[in-house]
């Protein structure tokens, strides 16, 4: 049982060390790819891959070869990682707490409004350079091509993704007949050209944010699971660090190698007084 924690930490870090290789490879492959969408995942994948590689290497060396400083680095970085994941999870729940779409009477799909989402997300999506990148990504994915041949009955009976609802059609409230009533601003941004459609509409940006909101909620749940797992691994790592420190001082487990104790400075005075008292009485 003395080396059990070291063995567990060693195997866990060997597994994560091997798992970091395809993560880094995927990030490097995306860096060489010309697809716009993949560039968004390139930097996070590379950062995660290298962090996992460094942590796993330090933990593996420290646990298997009894290197205390490597395990110390491993535990410090693990503690920082747990704190970062906890902060990211709380931030995700706060930022993505709003939104969700509005039911449309007589339709299976929902419509989305940009004002329903958090100011932080709106500020991010309204950046012209960022939005142009997202727009090219949607065009390249041919998301709207899948509903281009829908009949009016299909629009009444079939569901749409948030991006399809916001980017591939005008708002349901739009009336393009002879009317003088004021309409949604997105109604005037709609264009039948396949490369235009409603890509400049606020509803399209809201559809993208709805996808982000849903994905972020899934990521937050995964983060909670990861935090619990990392706390368990961190506890085992603390035991492995204690074992390694004991191995460095060459102390067998459960044996006290103390040969003599140096008395405190007042020991002899108290003994002399004690002896004198017994002599007197």
Protein backbone atom coordinates (compact mmCIF):
# COMPACT_ATOMS: atom_id res chain seq x y z
CA UNK A 1 0.00 0.00 0.00
CA UNK A 2 3.00 2.28 0.52
CA UNK A 3 3.61 2.72 -3.23
CA UNK A 4 -0.01 2.40 -4.35
CA UNK A 5 -0.55 6.16 -4.77
CA UNK A 6 2.69 6.51 -6.76
CA UNK A 7 1.65 3.66 -9.06
CA UNK A 8 -1.82 5.13 -9.66
CA UNK A 9 -0.38 8.61 -10.40
CA UNK A 10 2.20 7.06 -12.71
CA UNK A 11 -0.38 5.15 -14.78
CA UNK A 12 -2.79 8.11 -14.91
CA UNK A 13 -0.10 10.46 -16.16
CA UNK A 14 1.20 7.95 -18.69
CA UNK A 15 -2.32 7.76 -20.12
CA UNK A 16 -2.76 11.56 -20.27
CA UNK A 17 0.77 11.92 -21.70
CA UNK A 18 -0.16 9.67 -24.61
CA UNK A 19 -3.56 11.41 -24.96
CA UNK A 20 -1.89 14.82 -25.34
CA UNK A 21 -0.06 13.73 -28.53
CA UNK A 22 -3.19 13.55 -30.77
CA UNK A 23 -4.47 16.80 -29.23
CA UNK A 24 -1.29 18.63 -30.24
CA UNK A 25 -1.31 16.88 -33.63
CA UNK A 26 -4.89 18.01 -34.24
CA UNK A 27 -3.99 21.59 -33.38
CA UNK A 28 -0.98 21.56 -35.73
CA UNK A 29 -3.10 20.03 -38.51
CA UNK A 30 -5.69 22.79 -38.07
CA UNK A 31 -2.93 25.40 -38.20
CA UNK A 32 -2.02 24.18 -41.69
CA UNK A 33 -5.63 23.89 -42.84
CA UNK A 34 -7.20 26.67 -44.92
CA UNK A 35 -10.69 26.19 -43.48
CA UNK A 36 -11.69 29.33 -41.59
CA UNK A 37 -13.80 27.58 -38.92
CA UNK A 38 -10.98 25.37 -37.76
CA UNK A 39 -8.74 28.33 -36.96
CA UNK A 40 -10.96 29.07 -33.93
CA UNK A 41 -10.02 25.75 -32.33
CA UNK A 42 -6.36 25.84 -33.29
CA UNK A 43 -4.97 27.92 -30.39
CA UNK A 44 -7.07 26.35 -27.58
CA UNK A 45 -6.19 22.85 -28.77
CA UNK A 46 -2.46 23.61 -28.87
CA UNK A 47 -2.54 25.27 -25.41
CA UNK A 48 -4.51 22.41 -23.84
CA UNK A 49 -2.29 19.81 -25.51
CA UNK A 50 0.99 21.33 -24.32
CA UNK A 51 -0.31 21.98 -20.78
CA UNK A 52 -1.50 18.37 -20.48
CA UNK A 53 1.84 17.16 -21.88
CA UNK A 54 3.91 19.15 -19.37
CA UNK A 55 1.72 18.26 -16.37
CA UNK A 56 1.65 14.57 -17.28
CA UNK A 57 5.40 14.41 -17.85
CA UNK A 58 6.14 16.05 -14.49
CA UNK A 59 3.68 13.78 -12.67
CA UNK A 60 4.99 10.62 -14.37
CA UNK A 61 8.64 11.39 -13.62
CA UNK A 62 7.92 12.44 -10.05
CA UNK A 63 5.76 9.43 -9.17
CA UNK A 64 7.78 6.70 -10.90
CA UNK A 65 11.31 7.94 -10.18
CA UNK A 66 10.69 9.56 -6.77
CA UNK A 67 11.57 13.08 -7.95
CA UNK A 68 10.05 15.35 -5.34
CA UNK A 69 10.48 18.66 -7.20
CA UNK A 70 8.71 17.25 -10.29
CA UNK A 71 5.75 16.16 -8.17
CA UNK A 72 5.75 19.55 -6.47
CA UNK A 73 5.49 21.27 -9.88
CA UNK A 74 2.79 18.78 -10.86
CA UNK A 75 0.70 19.55 -7.75
CA UNK A 76 1.06 23.33 -8.12
CA UNK A 77 0.00 23.27 -11.78
CA UNK A 78 -2.86 20.88 -10.96
CA UNK A 79 -4.09 23.28 -8.28
CA UNK A 80 -3.96 26.18 -10.76
CA UNK A 81 -5.79 24.06 -13.34
CA UNK A 82 -8.57 23.21 -10.86
CA UNK A 83 -8.95 26.90 -10.01
CA UNK A 84 -9.01 27.90 -13.69
CA UNK A 85 -11.66 25.29 -14.52
CA UNK A 86 -13.79 26.40 -11.58
CA UNK A 87 -13.54 30.06 -12.65
CA UNK A 88 -14.34 29.15 -16.27
CA UNK A 89 -17.38 27.13 -15.20
CA UNK A 90 -18.78 29.95 -13.06
CA UNK A 91 -18.10 32.47 -15.84
CA UNK A 92 -19.84 30.22 -18.36
CA UNK A 93 -22.98 29.90 -16.27
CA UNK A 94 -23.14 33.67 -15.70
CA UNK A 95 -22.56 34.62 -19.36
CA UNK A 96 -24.89 32.03 -20.87
CA UNK A 97 -27.73 32.41 -18.37
CA UNK A 98 -29.88 34.43 -20.79
CA UNK A 99 -31.33 33.62 -24.20
CA UNK A 100 -33.04 30.45 -25.33
CA UNK A 101 -35.27 31.66 -28.15
CA UNK A 102 -38.95 32.54 -28.54
CA UNK A 103 -41.73 30.21 -29.68
CA UNK A 104 -43.33 31.08 -33.05
CA UNK A 105 -47.06 30.46 -33.34
CA UNK A 106 -47.82 27.63 -35.76
CA UNK A 107 -44.14 26.72 -36.24
CA UNK A 108 -41.90 23.97 -34.90
CA UNK A 109 -38.82 26.18 -34.71
CA UNK A 110 -37.91 29.10 -32.46
CA UNK A 111 -36.63 32.56 -33.36
CA UNK A 112 -33.83 34.33 -31.53
CA UNK A 113 -33.29 37.97 -30.60
CA UNK A 114 -29.85 39.48 -30.04
CA UNK A 115 -31.02 41.62 -27.12
CA UNK A 116 -31.85 38.51 -25.07
CA UNK A 117 -28.19 37.55 -24.64
CA UNK A 118 -25.56 38.86 -22.25
CA UNK A 119 -23.72 42.12 -23.07
CA UNK A 120 -20.37 40.29 -23.12
CA UNK A 121 -21.54 37.89 -25.84
CA UNK A 122 -23.21 40.67 -27.82
CA UNK A 123 -20.08 42.79 -27.77
CA UNK A 124 -18.05 39.84 -29.02
CA UNK A 125 -20.39 38.90 -31.88
CA UNK A 126 -20.91 42.51 -33.02
CA UNK A 127 -17.21 43.02 -33.71
CA UNK A 128 -17.11 43.40 -37.55
CA UNK A 129 -13.88 41.44 -38.03
CA UNK A 130 -15.06 38.60 -35.81
CA UNK A 131 -18.46 38.48 -37.49
CA UNK A 132 -16.96 38.33 -40.99
CA UNK A 133 -14.99 35.26 -39.93
CA UNK A 134 -18.13 33.63 -38.53
CA UNK A 135 -20.08 34.55 -41.66
CA UNK A 136 -17.51 32.87 -43.92
CA UNK A 137 -17.66 29.84 -41.66
CA UNK A 138 -21.47 29.57 -42.01
CA UNK A 139 -21.24 29.99 -45.77
CA UNK A 140 -18.61 27.28 -45.99
CA UNK A 141 -20.67 24.85 -43.92
CA UNK A 142 -23.61 25.13 -46.39
CA UNK A 143 -26.04 25.19 -43.46
CA UNK A 144 -28.67 27.10 -45.44
CA UNK A 145 -28.39 24.83 -48.50
CA UNK A 146 -30.18 22.04 -46.61
CA UNK A 147 -33.42 24.06 -46.37
CA UNK A 148 -33.21 25.86 -49.73
CA UNK A 149 -35.64 23.38 -51.33
CA UNK A 150 -38.17 23.34 -48.50
CA UNK A 151 -41.81 23.81 -49.37
CA UNK A 152 -44.17 26.07 -47.37
CA UNK A 153 -45.47 22.94 -45.65
CA UNK A 154 -41.94 22.08 -44.52
CA UNK A 155 -41.60 25.48 -42.83
CA UNK A 156 -44.79 24.71 -40.89
CA UNK A 157 -43.97 21.15 -39.84
CA UNK A 158 -40.18 20.89 -39.57
CA UNK A 159 -37.73 22.16 -36.98
CA UNK A 160 -34.62 24.29 -37.62
CA UNK A 161 -31.32 24.79 -35.88
CA UNK A 162 -30.72 28.24 -34.34
CA UNK A 163 -28.42 29.24 -37.22
CA UNK A 164 -30.92 28.09 -39.84
CA UNK A 165 -33.72 29.99 -38.11
CA UNK A 166 -31.73 33.21 -37.82
CA UNK A 167 -29.54 33.22 -40.96
CA UNK A 168 -31.39 31.28 -43.67
CA UNK A 169 -34.77 33.03 -43.66
CA UNK A 170 -36.26 36.42 -42.74
CA UNK A 171 -38.14 36.77 -39.44
CA UNK A 172 -41.59 35.18 -39.58
CA UNK A 173 -43.21 38.53 -38.74
CA UNK A 174 -41.95 40.13 -41.97
CA UNK A 175 -44.58 41.15 -44.51
CA UNK A 176 -43.23 41.84 -48.00
CA UNK A 177 -46.59 42.76 -49.48
CA UNK A 178 -47.96 46.27 -49.84
CA UNK A 179 -47.83 47.47 -46.23
CA UNK A 180 -46.87 50.75 -44.63
CA UNK A 181 -46.47 49.33 -41.13
CA UNK A 182 -43.09 49.43 -39.43
CA UNK A 183 -41.35 46.05 -39.38
CA UNK A 184 -38.41 44.37 -37.74
CA UNK A 185 -35.11 45.87 -38.92
CA UNK A 186 -34.00 42.41 -40.05
CA UNK A 187 -36.84 42.37 -42.60
CA UNK A 188 -35.01 45.06 -44.58
CA UNK A 189 -31.67 43.21 -44.41
CA UNK A 190 -33.00 40.04 -46.06
CA UNK A 191 -31.74 39.25 -49.56
CA UNK A 192 -32.63 36.24 -51.74
CA UNK A 193 -29.05 35.90 -53.03
CA UNK A 194 -27.53 32.66 -51.62
CA UNK A 195 -24.41 34.49 -50.45
CA UNK A 196 -26.45 37.21 -48.70
CA UNK A 197 -29.72 35.81 -47.26
CA UNK A 198 -29.97 37.11 -43.67
CA UNK A 199 -26.29 36.86 -42.76
CA UNK A 200 -26.21 40.52 -41.74
CA UNK A 201 -29.35 40.23 -39.61
CA UNK A 202 -29.27 40.48 -35.84
CA UNK A 203 -31.30 37.27 -35.78
CA UNK A 204 -28.39 35.46 -37.46
CA UNK A 205 -25.98 36.69 -34.79
CA UNK A 206 -28.50 35.62 -32.15
CA UNK A 207 -28.67 32.15 -33.72
CA UNK A 208 -24.89 31.84 -33.49
CA UNK A 209 -24.99 32.94 -29.84
CA UNK A 210 -27.67 30.36 -29.12
CA UNK A 211 -25.36 27.65 -30.47
CA UNK A 212 -22.57 29.05 -28.28
CA UNK A 213 -24.90 29.07 -25.27
CA UNK A 214 -25.89 25.43 -25.74
CA UNK A 215 -22.31 24.30 -26.31
CA UNK A 216 -21.12 26.29 -23.30
CA UNK A 217 -23.68 24.63 -21.06
CA UNK A 218 -22.45 21.21 -22.20
CA UNK A 219 -18.87 22.33 -21.59
CA UNK A 220 -19.77 23.57 -18.10
CA UNK A 221 -21.23 20.19 -17.17
CA UNK A 222 -18.06 18.51 -18.47
CA UNK A 223 -15.96 20.98 -16.47
CA UNK A 224 -17.78 20.04 -13.26
CA UNK A 225 -17.03 16.36 -13.87
CA UNK A 226 -13.41 17.20 -14.65
CA UNK A 227 -13.05 19.29 -11.47
CA UNK A 228 -14.27 16.37 -9.34
CA UNK A 229 -11.87 13.97 -11.11
CA UNK A 230 -8.94 16.39 -10.82
CA UNK A 231 -9.57 16.89 -7.10
CA UNK A 232 -9.42 13.10 -6.66
CA UNK A 233 -6.19 12.88 -8.68
CA UNK A 234 -4.76 15.82 -6.74
CA UNK A 235 -5.44 14.03 -3.44
CA UNK A 236 -3.64 10.90 -4.70
CA UNK A 237 -0.81 13.12 -5.92
CA UNK A 238 -0.40 14.58 -2.43
CA UNK A 239 0.03 11.04 -1.06
CA UNK A 240 2.56 10.27 -3.80
CA UNK A 241 4.48 13.46 -2.94
CA UNK A 242 4.59 12.47 0.73
CA UNK A 243 5.88 9.01 -0.21
CA UNK A 244 8.53 10.52 -2.47
CA UNK A 245 9.76 12.88 0.26
CA UNK A 246 9.97 9.92 2.63
CA UNK A 247 11.92 7.91 0.04
CA UNK A 248 14.39 10.78 -0.44
CA UNK A 249 15.20 10.76 3.31
CA UNK A 250 15.46 6.93 3.21
CA UNK A 251 12.85 6.42 5.94
CA UNK A 252 11.04 3.05 5.71
CA UNK A 253 7.31 3.43 6.11
CA UNK A 254 6.11 3.14 9.73
CA UNK A 255 9.65 3.02 11.29
CA UNK A 256 11.06 5.75 13.49
CA UNK A 257 14.84 6.01 12.97
CA UNK A 258 15.38 8.59 15.69
CA UNK A 259 18.33 7.38 17.80
CA UNK A 260 18.60 10.13 20.45
CA UNK A 261 16.86 13.32 21.46
CA UNK A 262 18.79 16.41 22.46
CA UNK A 263 17.34 17.68 25.77
CA UNK A 264 15.97 21.17 25.98
CA UNK A 265 18.20 23.84 27.56
CA UNK A 266 16.25 23.86 30.89
CA UNK A 267 16.09 20.07 31.25
CA UNK A 268 19.10 19.82 33.51
CA UNK A 269 17.91 22.66 35.79
CA UNK A 270 14.54 21.02 36.31
CA UNK A 271 16.19 17.66 37.02
CA UNK A 272 18.54 19.24 39.57
CA UNK A 273 15.60 20.94 41.34
CA UNK A 274 13.63 17.70 41.31
CA UNK A 275 16.54 15.77 42.86
CA UNK A 276 17.10 18.43 45.52
CA UNK A 277 13.45 18.36 46.52
CA UNK A 278 13.56 14.59 47.03
CA UNK A 279 16.72 14.94 49.14
CA UNK A 280 15.15 17.54 51.39
CA UNK A 281 11.87 15.68 51.94
